[in-house]
């Protein structure tokens, strides 16, 4: 912020930073990973199914459930655990939609 001695790392990012790196870690008040690819899921693969929320007037897009599940198809044990939980969540969501029809 102008006139402040506070450092805002996110303000220093350039489009080149995002193009040259698969993941950029931003550590302002909250640590956030900005990624152009989540394992095998690219932005182009995920954009159509993306979800979003508005918090304090700020539009925040994020991976939809199907892309998030696909992003967990890795060799990491924690991703396997996460993927199973996400698949359960998807089954519950799909079942609840049947009741709404």
Foldseek 3Di string as FASTA:
>chain_A
DPPDPADFVVVVDDVVVQVVDQWDWGDHVHIDIDGQALQPAGCVNFVVQWDWDADPNDIGIDGHLVSLLVSLPDPDPVSVVVNVVSVVVVVVVVVVVVVVD
